[in-house]
Amino acid sequence: MKSTLISLAAASALALSLSACNKERSAEADTGTATAKVSTDAPPAAVPDAQLQQQAQQAATAASTPVDGSGPVSTTTAVAPTAPAKK
C-alpha cells in the first residue's frame, strides 16, 4: 500500500512538472511562393528545434508545389495505389 502511494505521488509530481514545462514552440519557413508555420506543445527533447524547422520547410515546399507535380521541387513521394484484395 505504501509503495502504491509513493508511486502515485511520484507520477503526479512528474505529470505536474511536465505540464508546467509545456510551452508552444513554432517554426516558420518561406519558399518565396508559400509560407508555412508549424507549432508543437511537445518538449524540445521530443521534438528538437531543428526537426521543427525541417517540418516547416517541408510544409512550405509542399504548399508551393503545383498539384499536378510540375513544380521545380518535389519533397514527397507518392505511393502507388494497391489493388483491392480478391475474395
C-alpha atoms as a PDB file:
ATOM      1  CA  MET A   1       0.000   0.000   0.000  1.00  0.00           C
ATOM      2  CA  LYS A   2       2.833   2.381   0.886  1.00  0.00           C
ATOM      3  CA  SER A   3       4.649   1.698  -2.365  1.00  0.00           C
ATOM      4  CA  THR A   4       1.459   2.349  -4.324  1.00  0.00           C
ATOM      5  CA  LEU A   5       1.015   5.734  -2.665  1.00  0.00           C
ATOM      6  CA  ILE A   6       4.666   6.617  -3.266  1.00  0.00           C
ATOM      7  CA  SER A   7       4.359   5.595  -6.923  1.00  0.00           C
ATOM      8  CA  LEU A   8       1.178   7.633  -7.305  1.00  0.00           C
ATOM      9  CA  ALA A   9       2.804  10.669  -5.708  1.00  0.00           C
ATOM     10  CA  ALA A  10       5.857  10.341  -7.954  1.00  0.00           C
ATOM     11  CA  ALA A  11       3.702  10.005 -11.066  1.00  0.00           C
ATOM     12  CA  SER A  12       1.662  13.053 -10.061  1.00  0.00           C
ATOM     13  CA  ALA A  13       4.794  15.109  -9.457  1.00  0.00           C
ATOM     14  CA  LEU A  14       6.192  14.068 -12.831  1.00  0.00           C
ATOM     15  CA  ALA A  15       2.950  14.951 -14.607  1.00  0.00           C
ATOM     16  CA  LEU A  16       2.846  18.359 -12.953  1.00  0.00           C
ATOM     17  CA  SER A  17       6.469  19.095 -13.833  1.00  0.00           C
ATOM     18  CA  LEU A  18       5.925  18.078 -17.456  1.00  0.00           C
ATOM     19  CA  SER A  19       2.764  20.117 -17.820  1.00  0.00           C
ATOM     20  CA  ALA A  20       4.494  23.150 -16.355  1.00  0.00           C
ATOM     21  CA  CYS A  21       7.263  22.888 -18.966  1.00  0.00           C
ATOM     22  CA  ASN A  22       4.984  22.636 -21.995  1.00  0.00           C
ATOM     23  CA  LYS A  23       5.266  25.846 -23.953  1.00  0.00           C
ATOM     24  CA  GLU A  24       4.138  26.111 -27.510  1.00  0.00           C
ATOM     25  CA  ARG A  25       7.080  26.379 -29.885  1.00  0.00           C
ATOM     26  CA  SER A  26       6.854  27.195 -33.565  1.00  0.00           C
ATOM     27  CA  ALA A  27       8.950  27.467 -36.701  1.00  0.00           C
ATOM     28  CA  GLU A  28       8.246  29.263 -39.945  1.00  0.00           C
ATOM     29  CA  ALA A  29       9.622  28.780 -43.453  1.00  0.00           C
ATOM     30  CA  ASP A  30       9.171  30.808 -46.631  1.00  0.00           C
ATOM     31  CA  THR A  31       9.900  29.457 -50.115  1.00  0.00           C
ATOM     32  CA  GLY A  32       9.030  32.666 -51.937  1.00  0.00           C
ATOM     33  CA  THR A  33       5.718  31.290 -53.193  1.00  0.00           C
ATOM     34  CA  ALA A  34       4.456  29.802 -49.927  1.00  0.00           C
ATOM     35  CA  THR A  35       4.912  30.335 -46.220  1.00  0.00           C
ATOM     36  CA  ALA A  36       4.317  27.645 -43.617  1.00  0.00           C
ATOM     37  CA  LYS A  37       4.220  27.801 -39.846  1.00  0.00           C
ATOM     38  CA  VAL A  38       4.251  24.694 -37.673  1.00  0.00           C
ATOM     39  CA  SER A  39       3.924  24.551 -33.911  1.00  0.00           C
ATOM     40  CA  THR A  40       4.029  21.996 -31.133  1.00  0.00           C
ATOM     41  CA  ASP A  41       3.499  21.724 -27.415  1.00  0.00           C
ATOM     42  CA  ALA A  42       5.968  18.839 -27.205  1.00  0.00           C
ATOM     43  CA  PRO A  43       9.151  19.463 -25.228  1.00  0.00           C
ATOM     44  CA  PRO A  44      12.432  20.022 -27.109  1.00  0.00           C
ATOM     45  CA  ALA A  45      13.602  16.570 -26.013  1.00  0.00           C
ATOM     46  CA  ALA A  46      10.752  15.002 -28.003  1.00  0.00           C
ATOM     47  CA  VAL A  47      10.810  17.394 -30.994  1.00  0.00           C
ATOM     48  CA  PRO A  48      14.127  19.253 -31.391  1.00  0.00           C
ATOM     49  CA  ASP A  49      14.088  22.762 -32.866  1.00  0.00           C
ATOM     50  CA  ALA A  50      15.931  21.514 -35.978  1.00  0.00           C
ATOM     51  CA  GLN A  51      13.175  18.965 -36.638  1.00  0.00           C
ATOM     52  CA  LEU A  52      10.503  21.616 -36.142  1.00  0.00           C
ATOM     53  CA  GLN A  53      12.260  23.885 -38.659  1.00  0.00           C
ATOM     54  CA  GLN A  54      12.651  20.994 -41.108  1.00  0.00           C
ATOM     55  CA  GLN A  55       8.921  20.254 -40.894  1.00  0.00           C
ATOM     56  CA  ALA A  56       8.131  23.913 -41.598  1.00  0.00           C
ATOM     57  CA  GLN A  57      10.422  23.875 -44.633  1.00  0.00           C
ATOM     58  CA  GLN A  58       8.845  20.674 -45.940  1.00  0.00           C
ATOM     59  CA  ALA A  59       5.353  22.094 -45.461  1.00  0.00           C
ATOM     60  CA  ALA A  60       6.238  25.306 -47.310  1.00  0.00           C
ATOM     61  CA  THR A  61       7.836  23.333 -50.134  1.00  0.00           C
ATOM     62  CA  ALA A  62       4.813  21.063 -50.435  1.00  0.00           C
ATOM     63  CA  ALA A  63       2.485  24.062 -50.456  1.00  0.00           C
ATOM     64  CA  SER A  64       4.465  25.772 -53.209  1.00  0.00           C
ATOM     65  CA  THR A  65       4.499  22.700 -55.465  1.00  0.00           C
ATOM     66  CA  PRO A  66       1.647  22.673 -58.008  1.00  0.00           C
ATOM     67  CA  VAL A  67      -0.942  19.952 -57.544  1.00  0.00           C
ATOM     68  CA  ASP A  68      -0.069  18.428 -60.910  1.00  0.00           C
ATOM     69  CA  GLY A  69       3.532  17.896 -59.762  1.00  0.00           C
ATOM     70  CA  SER A  70       5.046  20.181 -62.396  1.00  0.00           C
ATOM     71  CA  GLY A  71       6.829  22.327 -59.843  1.00  0.00           C
ATOM     72  CA  PRO A  72      10.598  22.542 -59.578  1.00  0.00           C
ATOM     73  CA  VAL A  73      10.840  20.719 -56.247  1.00  0.00           C
ATOM     74  CA  SER A  74       9.020  17.669 -55.013  1.00  0.00           C
ATOM     75  CA  THR A  75       9.801  16.510 -51.491  1.00  0.00           C
ATOM     76  CA  THR A  76       7.129  13.876 -51.187  1.00  0.00           C
ATOM     77  CA  THR A  77       6.920  10.580 -52.983  1.00  0.00           C
ATOM     78  CA  ALA A  78       3.506   9.256 -53.840  1.00  0.00           C
ATOM     79  CA  VAL A  79       2.912   5.597 -53.143  1.00  0.00           C
ATOM     80  CA  ALA A  80       1.300   3.669 -55.974  1.00  0.00           C
ATOM     81  CA  PRO A  81      -2.215   2.523 -55.100  1.00  0.00           C
ATOM     82  CA  THR A  82      -2.634  -1.153 -54.430  1.00  0.00           C
ATOM     83  CA  ALA A  83      -5.346  -3.276 -55.960  1.00  0.00           C
ATOM     84  CA  PRO A  84      -8.077  -4.416 -53.604  1.00  0.00           C
ATOM     85  CA  ALA A  85      -7.643  -7.940 -52.295  1.00  0.00           C
ATOM     86  CA  LYS A  86      -9.632 -10.554 -54.167  1.00  0.00           C
ATOM     87  CA  LYS A  87     -12.105 -12.526 -52.150  1.00  0.00           C
END
